[in-house]
Amino acid sequence: MLRKIRGLGLTLPSRKEVATGATVTAAVMLAGGAFLFIIDTAGMYLFAVGG
């Protein structure tokens, strides 16, 4: 596997770059999920109150 990559002249990202990317991705997913949860909860509340 690594020989094929070296043969193509590609480079692998460093562990720090991978960790940073994974952390940013997890943070964005968590924030998006929290936002959708709040919007969905508010929608259900308004539906229940408004009838």
PDB file of N, CA and C in Angstrom:
ATOM      1  N   MET A   1       0.828  -1.197   0.000  1.00  0.00           N
ATOM      2  CA  MET A   1       0.000   0.000   0.000  1.00  0.00           C
ATOM      3  C   MET A   1       0.867   1.253   0.000  1.00  0.00           C
ATOM      4  N   LEU A   2       1.802   1.307   0.948  1.00  0.00           N
ATOM      5  CA  LEU A   2       2.656   2.495   1.019  1.00  0.00           C
ATOM      6  C   LEU A   2       3.579   2.590  -0.196  1.00  0.00           C
ATOM      7  N   ARG A   3       3.962   1.446  -0.728  1.00  0.00           N
ATOM      8  CA  ARG A   3       4.829   1.488  -1.908  1.00  0.00           C
ATOM      9  C   ARG A   3       4.081   2.084  -3.088  1.00  0.00           C
ATOM     10  N   LYS A   4       2.806   1.759  -3.236  1.00  0.00           N
ATOM     11  CA  LYS A   4       2.012   2.320  -4.325  1.00  0.00           C
ATOM     12  C   LYS A   4       1.867   3.827  -4.169  1.00  0.00           C
ATOM     13  N   ILE A   5       1.654   4.275  -2.937  1.00  0.00           N
ATOM     14  CA  ILE A   5       1.517   5.709  -2.689  1.00  0.00           C
ATOM     15  C   ILE A   5       2.827   6.432  -3.009  1.00  0.00           C
ATOM     16  N   ARG A   6       3.927   5.860  -2.562  1.00  0.00           N
ATOM     17  CA  ARG A   6       5.221   6.493  -2.849  1.00  0.00           C
ATOM     18  C   ARG A   6       5.496   6.495  -4.342  1.00  0.00           C
ATOM     19  N   GLY A   7       5.081   5.443  -5.014  1.00  0.00           N
ATOM     20  CA  GLY A   7       5.280   5.360  -6.445  1.00  0.00           C
ATOM     21  C   GLY A   7       4.496   6.421  -7.208  1.00  0.00           C
ATOM     22  N   LEU A   8       3.355   6.823  -6.663  1.00  0.00           N
ATOM     23  CA  LEU A   8       2.540   7.858  -7.311  1.00  0.00           C
ATOM     24  C   LEU A   8       3.003   9.265  -6.943  1.00  0.00           C
ATOM     25  N   GLY A   9       3.891   9.364  -5.980  1.00  0.00           N
ATOM     26  CA  GLY A   9       4.378  10.667  -5.563  1.00  0.00           C
ATOM     27  C   GLY A   9       3.438  11.396  -4.622  1.00  0.00           C
ATOM     28  N   LEU A  10       2.514  10.674  -4.009  1.00  0.00           N
ATOM     29  CA  LEU A  10       1.578  11.296  -3.075  1.00  0.00           C
ATOM     30  C   LEU A  10       2.186  11.338  -1.675  1.00  0.00           C
ATOM     31  N   THR A  11       1.689  12.241  -0.866  1.00  0.00           N
ATOM     32  CA  THR A  11       2.174  12.338   0.509  1.00  0.00           C
ATOM     33  C   THR A  11       1.017  12.097   1.467  1.00  0.00           C
ATOM     34  N   LEU A  12       1.338  11.540   2.611  1.00  0.00           N
ATOM     35  CA  LEU A  12       0.341  11.293   3.652  1.00  0.00           C
ATOM     36  C   LEU A  12       0.322  12.475   4.620  1.00  0.00           C
ATOM     37  N   PRO A  13      -0.856  12.842   5.125  1.00  0.00           N
ATOM     38  CA  PRO A  13      -0.903  13.929   6.107  1.00  0.00           C
ATOM     39  C   PRO A  13      -0.286  13.498   7.435  1.00  0.00           C
ATOM     40  N   SER A  14       0.208  14.470   8.177  1.00  0.00           N
ATOM     41  CA  SER A  14       0.797  14.154   9.477  1.00  0.00           C
ATOM     42  C   SER A  14      -0.309  13.817  10.471  1.00  0.00           C
ATOM     43  N   ARG A  15       0.067  13.192  11.555  1.00  0.00           N
ATOM     44  CA  ARG A  15      -0.922  12.822  12.575  1.00  0.00           C
ATOM     45  C   ARG A  15      -1.589  14.054  13.159  1.00  0.00           C
ATOM     46  N   LYS A  16      -0.850  15.151  13.271  1.00  0.00           N
ATOM     47  CA  LYS A  16      -1.423  16.385  13.820  1.00  0.00           C
ATOM     48  C   LYS A  16      -2.518  16.914  12.897  1.00  0.00           C
ATOM     49  N   GLU A  17      -2.284  16.871  11.595  1.00  0.00           N
ATOM     50  CA  GLU A  17      -3.307  17.330  10.639  1.00  0.00           C
ATOM     51  C   GLU A  17      -4.542  16.444  10.693  1.00  0.00           C
ATOM     52  N   VAL A  18      -4.340  15.145  10.824  1.00  0.00           N
ATOM     53  CA  VAL A  18      -5.475  14.218  10.899  1.00  0.00           C
ATOM     54  C   VAL A  18      -6.272  14.467  12.176  1.00  0.00           C
ATOM     55  N   ALA A  19      -5.569  14.653  13.302  1.00  0.00           N
ATOM     56  CA  ALA A  19      -6.243  14.902  14.571  1.00  0.00           C
ATOM     57  C   ALA A  19      -7.010  16.218  14.529  1.00  0.00           C
ATOM     58  N   THR A  20      -6.398  17.255  13.944  1.00  0.00           N
ATOM     59  CA  THR A  20      -7.072  18.549  13.846  1.00  0.00           C
ATOM     60  C   THR A  20      -8.312  18.445  12.974  1.00  0.00           C
ATOM     61  N   GLY A  21      -8.196  17.783  11.850  1.00  0.00           N
ATOM     62  CA  GLY A  21      -9.341  17.620  10.962  1.00  0.00           C
ATOM     63  C   GLY A  21     -10.470  16.844  11.616  1.00  0.00           C
ATOM     64  N   ALA A  22     -10.124  15.786  12.330  1.00  0.00           N
ATOM     65  CA  ALA A  22     -11.144  14.985  13.011  1.00  0.00           C
ATOM     66  C   ALA A  22     -11.821  15.786  14.114  1.00  0.00           C
ATOM     67  N   THR A  23     -11.041  16.594  14.835  1.00  0.00           N
ATOM     68  CA  THR A  23     -11.610  17.410  15.905  1.00  0.00           C
ATOM     69  C   THR A  23     -12.564  18.460  15.349  1.00  0.00           C
ATOM     70  N   VAL A  24     -12.161  19.124  14.291  1.00  0.00           N
ATOM     71  CA  VAL A  24     -13.022  20.138  13.668  1.00  0.00           C
ATOM     72  C   VAL A  24     -14.297  19.496  13.134  1.00  0.00           C
ATOM     73  N   THR A  25     -14.165  18.350  12.493  1.00  0.00           N
ATOM     74  CA  THR A  25     -15.335  17.653  11.959  1.00  0.00           C
ATOM     75  C   THR A  25     -16.289  17.250  13.071  1.00  0.00           C
ATOM     76  N   ALA A  26     -15.763  16.708  14.157  1.00  0.00           N
ATOM     77  CA  ALA A  26     -16.610  16.312  15.285  1.00  0.00           C
ATOM     78  C   ALA A  26     -17.308  17.518  15.905  1.00  0.00           C
ATOM     79  N   ALA A  27     -16.594  18.641  16.021  1.00  0.00           N
ATOM     80  CA  ALA A  27     -17.193  19.847  16.602  1.00  0.00           C
ATOM     81  C   ALA A  27     -18.322  20.383  15.725  1.00  0.00           C
ATOM     82  N   VAL A  28     -18.120  20.400  14.419  1.00  0.00           N
ATOM     83  CA  VAL A  28     -19.158  20.876  13.501  1.00  0.00           C
ATOM     84  C   VAL A  28     -20.379  19.959  13.547  1.00  0.00           C
ATOM     85  N   MET A  29     -20.152  18.653  13.575  1.00  0.00           N
ATOM     86  CA  MET A  29     -21.268  17.708  13.642  1.00  0.00           C
ATOM     87  C   MET A  29     -22.033  17.855  14.950  1.00  0.00           C
ATOM     88  N   LEU A  30     -21.328  18.040  16.049  1.00  0.00           N
ATOM     89  CA  LEU A  30     -21.976  18.208  17.349  1.00  0.00           C
ATOM     90  C   LEU A  30     -22.789  19.496  17.390  1.00  0.00           C
ATOM     91  N   ALA A  31     -22.215  20.593  16.891  1.00  0.00           N
ATOM     92  CA  ALA A  31     -22.928  21.866  16.873  1.00  0.00           C
ATOM     93  C   ALA A  31     -24.154  21.793  15.971  1.00  0.00           C
ATOM     94  N   GLY A  32     -24.014  21.175  14.811  1.00  0.00           N
ATOM     95  CA  GLY A  32     -25.153  21.029  13.901  1.00  0.00           C
ATOM     96  C   GLY A  32     -26.245  20.170  14.508  1.00  0.00           C
ATOM     97  N   GLY A  33     -25.872  19.097  15.165  1.00  0.00           N
ATOM     98  CA  GLY A  33     -26.851  18.233  15.814  1.00  0.00           C
ATOM     99  C   GLY A  33     -27.582  18.949  16.941  1.00  0.00           C
ATOM    100  N   ALA A  34     -26.845  19.727  17.715  1.00  0.00           N
ATOM    101  CA  ALA A  34     -27.475  20.490  18.800  1.00  0.00           C
ATOM    102  C   ALA A  34     -28.443  21.520  18.237  1.00  0.00           C
ATOM    103  N   PHE A  35     -28.056  22.187  17.163  1.00  0.00           N
ATOM    104  CA  PHE A  35     -28.924  23.184  16.531  1.00  0.00           C
ATOM    105  C   PHE A  35     -30.211  22.531  16.020  1.00  0.00           C
ATOM    106  N   LEU A  36     -30.078  21.405  15.332  1.00  0.00           N
ATOM    107  CA  LEU A  36     -31.260  20.708  14.822  1.00  0.00           C
ATOM    108  C   LEU A  36     -32.142  20.210  15.960  1.00  0.00           C
ATOM    109  N   PHE A  37     -31.536  19.753  17.037  1.00  0.00           N
ATOM    110  CA  PHE A  37     -32.307  19.295  18.195  1.00  0.00           C
ATOM    111  C   PHE A  37     -33.116  20.436  18.788  1.00  0.00           C
ATOM    112  N   ILE A  38     -32.503  21.605  18.925  1.00  0.00           N
ATOM    113  CA  ILE A  38     -33.209  22.761  19.487  1.00  0.00           C
ATOM    114  C   ILE A  38     -34.357  23.183  18.583  1.00  0.00           C
ATOM    115  N   ILE A  39     -34.112  23.249  17.280  1.00  0.00           N
ATOM    116  CA  ILE A  39     -35.163  23.639  16.339  1.00  0.00           C
ATOM    117  C   ILE A  39     -36.303  22.619  16.355  1.00  0.00           C
ATOM    118  N   ASP A  40     -35.966  21.344  16.379  1.00  0.00           N
ATOM    119  CA  ASP A  40     -36.990  20.298  16.388  1.00  0.00           C
ATOM    120  C   ASP A  40     -37.805  20.345  17.676  1.00  0.00           C
ATOM    121  N   THR A  41     -37.143  20.544  18.821  1.00  0.00           N
ATOM    122  CA  THR A  41     -37.841  20.624  20.108  1.00  0.00           C
ATOM    123  C   THR A  41     -38.768  21.823  20.138  1.00  0.00           C
ATOM    124  N   ALA A  42     -38.293  22.964  19.635  1.00  0.00           N
ATOM    125  CA  ALA A  42     -39.135  24.152  19.601  1.00  0.00           C
ATOM    126  C   ALA A  42     -40.329  23.936  18.681  1.00  0.00           C
ATOM    127  N   GLY A  43     -40.132  23.276  17.577  1.00  0.00           N
ATOM    128  CA  GLY A  43     -41.228  22.992  16.655  1.00  0.00           C
ATOM    129  C   GLY A  43     -42.287  22.092  17.297  1.00  0.00           C
ATOM    130  N   MET A  44     -41.816  21.068  17.985  1.00  0.00           N
ATOM    131  CA  MET A  44     -42.774  20.168  18.663  1.00  0.00           C
ATOM    132  C   MET A  44     -43.530  20.906  19.763  1.00  0.00           C
ATOM    133  N   TYR A  45     -42.843  21.777  20.492  1.00  0.00           N
ATOM    134  CA  TYR A  45     -43.505  22.552  21.549  1.00  0.00           C
ATOM    135  C   TYR A  45     -44.565  23.469  20.951  1.00  0.00           C
ATOM    136  N   LEU A  46     -44.232  24.175  19.891  1.00  0.00           N
ATOM    137  CA  LEU A  46     -45.199  25.082  19.265  1.00  0.00           C
ATOM    138  C   LEU A  46     -46.375  24.306  18.695  1.00  0.00           C
ATOM    139  N   PHE A  47     -46.130  23.131  18.145  1.00  0.00           N
ATOM    140  CA  PHE A  47     -47.219  22.320  17.631  1.00  0.00           C
ATOM    141  C   PHE A  47     -48.133  21.857  18.748  1.00  0.00           C
ATOM    142  N   ALA A  48     -47.536  21.458  19.899  1.00  0.00           N
ATOM    143  CA  ALA A  48     -48.325  20.983  21.027  1.00  0.00           C
ATOM    144  C   ALA A  48     -49.134  22.117  21.649  1.00  0.00           C
ATOM    145  N   VAL A  49     -48.550  23.296  21.754  1.00  0.00           N
ATOM    146  CA  VAL A  49     -49.228  24.430  22.371  1.00  0.00           C
ATOM    147  C   VAL A  49     -50.284  24.995  21.426  1.00  0.00           C
ATOM    148  N   GLY A  50     -49.914  25.128  20.158  1.00  0.00           N
ATOM    149  CA  GLY A  50     -50.818  25.742  19.204  1.00  0.00           C
ATOM    150  C   GLY A  50     -51.945  24.836  18.764  1.00  0.00           C
ATOM    151  N   GLY A  51     -51.738  23.560  18.908  1.00  0.00           N
ATOM    152  CA  GLY A  51     -52.786  22.614  18.529  1.00  0.00           C
ATOM    153  C   GLY A  51     -52.800  22.432  17.060  1.00  0.00           C
TER     154      GLY A  51
END
